[in-house]
Amino acid sequence: MRAIHSPKRREDRRYRRHLRVRLRVAGTAERPRLVVYRSLKHIYAQLVNDDLGVALLGVSDTSEGIALKGEGKTAKAAAVGQLLAEKAKAAGITKVVFDRAGYQYHGRVKAVAEGAREGGLEF
């Protein structure tokens, strides 16, 4: 029997929330889904076309172009959002559907969204 707040159970619950949201949120070629994944150390964001089942592009805080040594994880998350927006605009994508993947909309997830908005993406 697992503890009520064990990390495994918490991740399972987050994943179930993500699956419920995925029933309603889908990305297309014109308006791909911006999905965020948050690990304890890094953050990842990618644009997904669910019609074809392919990731159009992806960015993480380990990507080239994000050099924020000594900054916090939230600042790196905002930089991930801005870099994703730049790459999306270069690929001709201006509108996206935001998928927070079952995470609460605060902290690093919110920073990615705000960084993408500052970079010029429309949600």
C-alpha atoms as a PDB file:
ATOM      1  CA  MET A   1       0.000   0.000   0.000  1.00  0.00           C
ATOM      2  CA  ARG A   2       1.363   3.410  -0.977  1.00  0.00           C
ATOM      3  CA  ALA A   3       1.401   6.486   1.183  1.00  0.00           C
ATOM      4  CA  ILE A   4      -1.190   9.106   0.309  1.00  0.00           C
ATOM      5  CA  HIS A   5       1.326  11.640  -0.962  1.00  0.00           C
ATOM      6  CA  SER A   6       4.030   9.368  -2.350  1.00  0.00           C
ATOM      7  CA  PRO A   7       5.811  10.656  -5.481  1.00  0.00           C
ATOM      8  CA  LYS A   8       4.633   7.705  -7.574  1.00  0.00           C
ATOM      9  CA  ARG A   9       0.984   8.240  -6.646  1.00  0.00           C
ATOM     10  CA  ARG A  10       1.266  11.994  -7.264  1.00  0.00           C
ATOM     11  CA  GLU A  11       2.713  11.358 -10.741  1.00  0.00           C
ATOM     12  CA  ASP A  12      -0.044   8.824 -11.492  1.00  0.00           C
ATOM     13  CA  ARG A  13      -2.716  11.350 -10.553  1.00  0.00           C
ATOM     14  CA  ARG A  14      -1.065  14.032 -12.692  1.00  0.00           C
ATOM     15  CA  TYR A  15      -0.938  11.627 -15.633  1.00  0.00           C
ATOM     16  CA  ARG A  16      -4.649  10.784 -15.254  1.00  0.00           C
ATOM     17  CA  ARG A  17      -5.491  14.508 -15.229  1.00  0.00           C
ATOM     18  CA  HIS A  18      -3.401  14.882 -18.383  1.00  0.00           C
ATOM     19  CA  LEU A  19      -5.306  12.069 -20.115  1.00  0.00           C
ATOM     20  CA  ARG A  20      -8.662  13.640 -19.222  1.00  0.00           C
ATOM     21  CA  VAL A  21      -7.566  16.976 -20.657  1.00  0.00           C
ATOM     22  CA  ARG A  22      -6.222  15.291 -23.797  1.00  0.00           C
ATOM     23  CA  LEU A  23      -9.753  14.121 -24.606  1.00  0.00           C
ATOM     24  CA  ARG A  24     -10.738  17.776 -25.070  1.00  0.00           C
ATOM     25  CA  VAL A  25      -7.505  19.488 -26.161  1.00  0.00           C
ATOM     26  CA  ALA A  26      -6.042  18.568 -29.539  1.00  0.00           C
ATOM     27  CA  GLY A  27      -3.504  20.276 -31.750  1.00  0.00           C
ATOM     28  CA  THR A  28      -3.720  20.649 -35.512  1.00  0.00           C
ATOM     29  CA  ALA A  29      -1.281  21.744 -38.192  1.00  0.00           C
ATOM     30  CA  GLU A  30      -2.674  25.306 -38.062  1.00  0.00           C
ATOM     31  CA  ARG A  31      -2.913  25.420 -34.265  1.00  0.00           C
ATOM     32  CA  PRO A  32      -0.583  22.860 -32.646  1.00  0.00           C
ATOM     33  CA  ARG A  33      -0.679  21.871 -28.995  1.00  0.00           C
ATOM     34  CA  LEU A  34       2.045  23.397 -26.809  1.00  0.00           C
ATOM     35  CA  VAL A  35       2.677  20.696 -24.209  1.00  0.00           C
ATOM     36  CA  VAL A  36       4.883  21.214 -21.150  1.00  0.00           C
ATOM     37  CA  TYR A  37       6.754  18.540 -19.198  1.00  0.00           C
ATOM     38  CA  ARG A  38       8.326  19.425 -15.882  1.00  0.00           C
ATOM     39  CA  SER A  39      10.949  17.284 -14.173  1.00  0.00           C
ATOM     40  CA  LEU A  40      12.533  18.122 -10.849  1.00  0.00           C
ATOM     41  CA  LYS A  41      15.567  19.638 -12.574  1.00  0.00           C
ATOM     42  CA  HIS A  42      14.564  20.580 -16.143  1.00  0.00           C
ATOM     43  CA  ILE A  43      11.581  21.757 -18.169  1.00  0.00           C
ATOM     44  CA  TYR A  44      10.610  20.757 -21.688  1.00  0.00           C
ATOM     45  CA  ALA A  45       8.090  22.215 -24.140  1.00  0.00           C
ATOM     46  CA  GLN A  46       7.094  21.022 -27.586  1.00  0.00           C
ATOM     47  CA  LEU A  47       4.552  21.739 -30.290  1.00  0.00           C
ATOM     48  CA  VAL A  48       2.527  18.688 -31.315  1.00  0.00           C
ATOM     49  CA  ASN A  49       0.300  18.119 -34.341  1.00  0.00           C
ATOM     50  CA  ASP A  50      -2.203  15.555 -33.070  1.00  0.00           C
ATOM     51  CA  ASP A  51      -3.729  15.007 -36.523  1.00  0.00           C
ATOM     52  CA  LEU A  52      -0.494  13.352 -37.661  1.00  0.00           C
ATOM     53  CA  GLY A  53       0.772  12.391 -34.214  1.00  0.00           C
ATOM     54  CA  VAL A  54       4.095  14.183 -34.632  1.00  0.00           C
ATOM     55  CA  ALA A  55       6.056  16.722 -32.622  1.00  0.00           C
ATOM     56  CA  LEU A  56       6.741  19.747 -34.823  1.00  0.00           C
ATOM     57  CA  LEU A  57       9.493  21.201 -32.649  1.00  0.00           C
ATOM     58  CA  GLY A  58      10.732  21.043 -29.098  1.00  0.00           C
ATOM     59  CA  VAL A  59      12.810  23.087 -26.684  1.00  0.00           C
ATOM     60  CA  SER A  60      14.194  22.430 -23.222  1.00  0.00           C
ATOM     61  CA  ASP A  61      16.295  24.364 -20.755  1.00  0.00           C
ATOM     62  CA  THR A  62      19.260  22.301 -21.947  1.00  0.00           C
ATOM     63  CA  SER A  63      18.789  23.526 -25.546  1.00  0.00           C
ATOM     64  CA  GLU A  64      21.291  25.768 -27.259  1.00  0.00           C
ATOM     65  CA  GLY A  65      20.340  29.413 -26.919  1.00  0.00           C
ATOM     66  CA  ILE A  66      19.386  29.168 -23.251  1.00  0.00           C
ATOM     67  CA  ALA A  67      22.440  30.150 -21.274  1.00  0.00           C
ATOM     68  CA  LEU A  68      21.196  31.288 -17.883  1.00  0.00           C
ATOM     69  CA  LYS A  69      23.862  30.004 -15.531  1.00  0.00           C
ATOM     70  CA  GLY A  70      23.056  30.812 -11.934  1.00  0.00           C
ATOM     71  CA  GLU A  71      19.470  31.797 -12.709  1.00  0.00           C
ATOM     72  CA  GLY A  72      16.555  30.002 -11.130  1.00  0.00           C
ATOM     73  CA  LYS A  73      14.426  27.323 -12.750  1.00  0.00           C
ATOM     74  CA  THR A  74      11.537  29.760 -13.295  1.00  0.00           C
ATOM     75  CA  ALA A  75      13.751  32.145 -15.275  1.00  0.00           C
ATOM     76  CA  LYS A  76      14.947  29.226 -17.396  1.00  0.00           C
ATOM     77  CA  ALA A  77      11.325  28.190 -17.982  1.00  0.00           C
ATOM     78  CA  ALA A  78      10.470  31.685 -19.251  1.00  0.00           C
ATOM     79  CA  ALA A  79      13.486  31.515 -21.580  1.00  0.00           C
ATOM     80  CA  VAL A  80      12.239  28.128 -22.858  1.00  0.00           C
ATOM     81  CA  GLY A  81       8.886  29.729 -23.704  1.00  0.00           C
ATOM     82  CA  GLN A  82      10.522  32.607 -25.542  1.00  0.00           C
ATOM     83  CA  LEU A  83      12.852  30.333 -27.525  1.00  0.00           C
ATOM     84  CA  LEU A  84       9.917  28.084 -28.433  1.00  0.00           C
ATOM     85  CA  ALA A  85       7.984  31.124 -29.669  1.00  0.00           C
ATOM     86  CA  GLU A  86      10.936  32.244 -31.815  1.00  0.00           C
ATOM     87  CA  LYS A  87      11.281  28.796 -33.391  1.00  0.00           C
ATOM     88  CA  ALA A  88       7.525  28.545 -33.928  1.00  0.00           C
ATOM     89  CA  LYS A  89       7.377  31.923 -35.663  1.00  0.00           C
ATOM     90  CA  ALA A  90      10.284  30.872 -37.882  1.00  0.00           C
ATOM     91  CA  ALA A  91       8.254  27.767 -38.804  1.00  0.00           C
ATOM     92  CA  GLY A  92       5.187  29.914 -39.558  1.00  0.00           C
ATOM     93  CA  ILE A  93       3.195  29.056 -36.426  1.00  0.00           C
ATOM     94  CA  THR A  94       1.537  31.923 -34.546  1.00  0.00           C
ATOM     95  CA  LYS A  95      -1.394  30.294 -32.718  1.00  0.00           C
ATOM     96  CA  VAL A  96      -1.202  27.370 -30.299  1.00  0.00           C
ATOM     97  CA  VAL A  97      -3.343  25.487 -27.802  1.00  0.00           C
ATOM     98  CA  PHE A  98      -1.717  25.343 -24.359  1.00  0.00           C
ATOM     99  CA  ASP A  99      -1.588  21.947 -22.645  1.00  0.00           C
ATOM    100  CA  ARG A 100      -0.252  22.142 -19.095  1.00  0.00           C
ATOM    101  CA  ALA A 101      -0.157  18.312 -18.930  1.00  0.00           C
ATOM    102  CA  GLY A 102      -1.952  18.017 -15.608  1.00  0.00           C
ATOM    103  CA  TYR A 103       0.350  20.416 -13.769  1.00  0.00           C
ATOM    104  CA  GLN A 104      -1.030  23.407 -11.874  1.00  0.00           C
ATOM    105  CA  TYR A 105      -0.850  26.644 -13.835  1.00  0.00           C
ATOM    106  CA  HIS A 106       1.737  28.381 -11.660  1.00  0.00           C
ATOM    107  CA  GLY A 107       5.479  28.582 -11.245  1.00  0.00           C
ATOM    108  CA  ARG A 108       7.501  27.103 -14.085  1.00  0.00           C
ATOM    109  CA  VAL A 109       4.485  26.045 -16.168  1.00  0.00           C
ATOM    110  CA  LYS A 110       3.089  29.579 -16.002  1.00  0.00           C
ATOM    111  CA  ALA A 111       6.544  30.998 -16.834  1.00  0.00           C
ATOM    112  CA  VAL A 112       6.704  28.904 -20.033  1.00  0.00           C
ATOM    113  CA  ALA A 113       3.263  30.177 -21.067  1.00  0.00           C
ATOM    114  CA  GLU A 114       4.107  33.809 -20.339  1.00  0.00           C
ATOM    115  CA  GLY A 115       7.460  33.507 -22.119  1.00  0.00           C
ATOM    116  CA  ALA A 116       5.729  32.082 -25.186  1.00  0.00           C
ATOM    117  CA  ARG A 117       3.179  34.911 -25.126  1.00  0.00           C
ATOM    118  CA  GLU A 118       5.976  37.494 -24.848  1.00  0.00           C
ATOM    119  CA  GLY A 119       7.661  35.794 -27.792  1.00  0.00           C
ATOM    120  CA  GLY A 120       4.550  36.375 -29.901  1.00  0.00           C
ATOM    121  CA  LEU A 121       2.493  33.174 -29.702  1.00  0.00           C
ATOM    122  CA  GLU A 122      -1.284  33.470 -29.366  1.00  0.00           C
ATOM    123  CA  PHE A 123      -3.117  31.080 -27.064  1.00  0.00           C
END
